[in-house]
Amino acid sequence: MVTPMVQQRSEQLDAVFHALSDPTRREMLRSLSSGSRSIGELAAPFSMSFAGASKHVKALERAGLVRRTVEGRTHRCSLAPEPLASALEWLRFYERFWNDRLDALERELLKPERGGSGSRKGTRHE
């Protein structure tokens, strides 16, 4: 049975990976890493409409990666990187998993050959 806290963390992680799955949203996050931007400024490099950019920003907001403030008619967005920590933690588990397996493979491949006098096992000498 999944506890409500685990379910909530899982849903947020799902939202983060969903947000990061789109190259436009990844580029928007990269842009926000150097400071806040209006939605129009976020849309400009992609030649997309305000409405199109706003949909991307909403996906980033659902993931908790962006905070939006309204200043008059201008919607300003700023990066909220905290949810990336949970994604990084999830990915690090698999980084350790693969590093351990690749290290074991390397050890296996670098083992000295067995069988004496330099001959390979299964090689016939006549």
Protein backbone atom coordinates (compact mmCIF):
# COMPACT_ATOMS: atom_id res chain seq x y z
CA MET A 1 0.00 0.00 0.00
CA VAL A 2 1.35 3.41 -0.95
CA THR A 3 1.19 6.03 1.78
CA PRO A 4 -0.17 9.49 0.90
CA MET A 5 3.30 11.04 1.42
CA VAL A 6 4.96 8.54 -0.94
CA GLN A 7 2.15 9.04 -3.47
CA GLN A 8 2.61 12.83 -3.32
CA ARG A 9 6.40 12.55 -3.85
CA SER A 10 5.83 10.14 -6.71
CA GLU A 11 3.36 12.49 -8.39
CA GLN A 12 5.76 15.43 -8.06
CA LEU A 13 8.62 13.36 -9.50
CA ASP A 14 6.34 12.35 -12.38
CA ALA A 15 5.52 16.02 -13.00
CA VAL A 16 9.22 16.97 -12.95
CA PHE A 17 10.17 14.29 -15.46
CA HIS A 18 7.17 15.21 -17.62
CA ALA A 19 8.25 18.86 -17.59
CA LEU A 20 11.84 17.93 -18.42
CA SER A 21 10.76 15.61 -21.25
CA ASP A 22 10.18 18.54 -23.58
CA PRO A 23 13.21 20.31 -25.13
CA THR A 24 11.40 23.68 -25.21
CA ARG A 25 10.72 23.51 -21.47
CA ARG A 26 14.32 22.45 -20.77
CA GLU A 27 15.55 25.47 -22.71
CA MET A 28 13.13 27.73 -20.84
CA LEU A 29 14.53 26.44 -17.54
CA ARG A 30 18.06 27.07 -18.78
CA SER A 31 17.09 30.63 -19.68
CA LEU A 32 15.52 31.15 -16.24
CA SER A 33 18.71 29.98 -14.54
CA SER A 34 20.24 33.37 -15.34
CA GLY A 35 17.28 35.39 -14.02
CA SER A 36 13.56 35.94 -14.24
CA ARG A 37 11.90 36.38 -17.63
CA SER A 38 8.51 37.41 -18.91
CA ILE A 39 6.52 34.81 -20.80
CA GLY A 40 7.09 36.84 -23.96
CA GLU A 41 10.85 36.68 -23.38
CA LEU A 42 10.62 32.93 -22.88
CA ALA A 43 8.60 32.55 -26.08
CA ALA A 44 10.86 34.72 -28.30
CA PRO A 45 13.63 32.19 -29.10
CA PHE A 46 11.01 29.68 -30.25
CA SER A 47 8.86 32.04 -32.35
CA MET A 48 5.81 30.83 -30.47
CA SER A 49 2.74 32.66 -29.27
CA PHE A 50 2.17 33.86 -25.73
CA ALA A 51 -0.50 31.15 -25.38
CA GLY A 52 1.91 28.43 -26.53
CA ALA A 53 4.64 29.61 -24.16
CA SER A 54 2.10 29.89 -21.35
CA LYS A 55 1.18 26.21 -21.76
CA HIS A 56 4.84 25.26 -21.35
CA VAL A 57 5.14 27.50 -18.30
CA LYS A 58 2.05 25.85 -16.78
CA ALA A 59 3.70 22.42 -17.11
CA LEU A 60 6.80 23.81 -15.40
CA GLU A 61 4.63 25.35 -12.67
CA ARG A 62 2.79 22.04 -12.06
CA ALA A 63 6.19 20.45 -11.50
CA GLY A 64 7.11 23.24 -9.08
CA LEU A 65 10.06 24.26 -11.26
CA VAL A 66 8.80 27.78 -12.03
CA ARG A 67 7.17 30.51 -9.98
CA ARG A 68 5.04 33.05 -11.82
CA THR A 69 4.28 36.54 -10.57
CA VAL A 70 2.03 39.09 -12.25
CA GLU A 71 3.24 42.69 -12.49
CA GLY A 72 0.44 44.60 -14.17
CA ARG A 73 -0.09 42.83 -17.49
CA THR A 74 3.33 41.17 -17.43
CA HIS A 75 3.70 37.61 -16.19
CA ARG A 76 7.25 37.09 -14.87
CA CYS A 77 8.69 33.66 -14.29
CA SER A 78 11.56 32.63 -12.08
CA LEU A 79 13.31 29.33 -11.58
CA ALA A 80 12.43 27.22 -8.53
CA PRO A 81 15.11 24.49 -8.70
CA GLU A 82 14.22 22.59 -5.51
CA PRO A 83 12.17 19.85 -7.25
CA LEU A 84 15.20 19.02 -9.39
CA ALA A 85 16.85 17.64 -6.24
CA SER A 86 14.33 14.79 -6.02
CA ALA A 87 14.88 13.96 -9.70
CA LEU A 88 18.65 14.02 -9.20
CA GLU A 89 18.33 11.72 -6.17
CA TRP A 90 16.29 9.26 -8.24
CA LEU A 91 18.83 9.36 -11.08
CA ARG A 92 21.79 8.95 -8.74
CA PHE A 93 20.50 5.55 -7.62
CA TYR A 94 20.74 4.35 -11.21
CA GLU A 95 24.09 6.03 -11.69
CA ARG A 96 25.43 3.93 -8.79
CA PHE A 97 23.67 0.85 -10.17
CA TRP A 98 25.32 1.19 -13.60
CA ASN A 99 28.71 2.22 -12.22
CA ASP A 100 28.78 -0.90 -10.03
CA ARG A 101 27.90 -3.14 -12.97
CA LEU A 102 30.37 -1.49 -15.32
CA ASP A 103 33.11 -1.76 -12.68
CA ALA A 104 32.36 -5.50 -12.33
CA LEU A 105 32.48 -5.92 -16.10
CA GLU A 106 35.81 -4.10 -16.27
CA ARG A 107 37.26 -6.34 -13.53
CA GLU A 108 36.06 -9.41 -15.42
CA LEU A 109 37.52 -8.23 -18.71
CA LEU A 110 40.87 -7.35 -17.16
CA LYS A 111 41.32 -10.66 -15.29
CA PRO A 112 44.49 -12.49 -16.33
CA GLU A 113 43.74 -15.48 -18.52
CA ARG A 114 43.71 -18.87 -16.84
CA GLY A 115 45.05 -22.09 -18.26
CA GLY A 116 48.82 -21.77 -18.01
CA SER A 117 51.53 -21.23 -20.65
CA GLY A 118 49.62 -18.39 -22.23
CA SER A 119 47.26 -20.64 -24.17
CA ARG A 120 43.61 -19.71 -24.41
CA LYS A 121 41.05 -22.10 -23.06
CA GLY A 122 39.43 -24.02 -25.88
CA THR A 123 42.36 -23.47 -28.28
CA ARG A 124 43.72 -26.65 -29.81
CA HIS A 125 47.45 -27.23 -30.08
CA GLU A 126 48.67 -29.88 -32.46
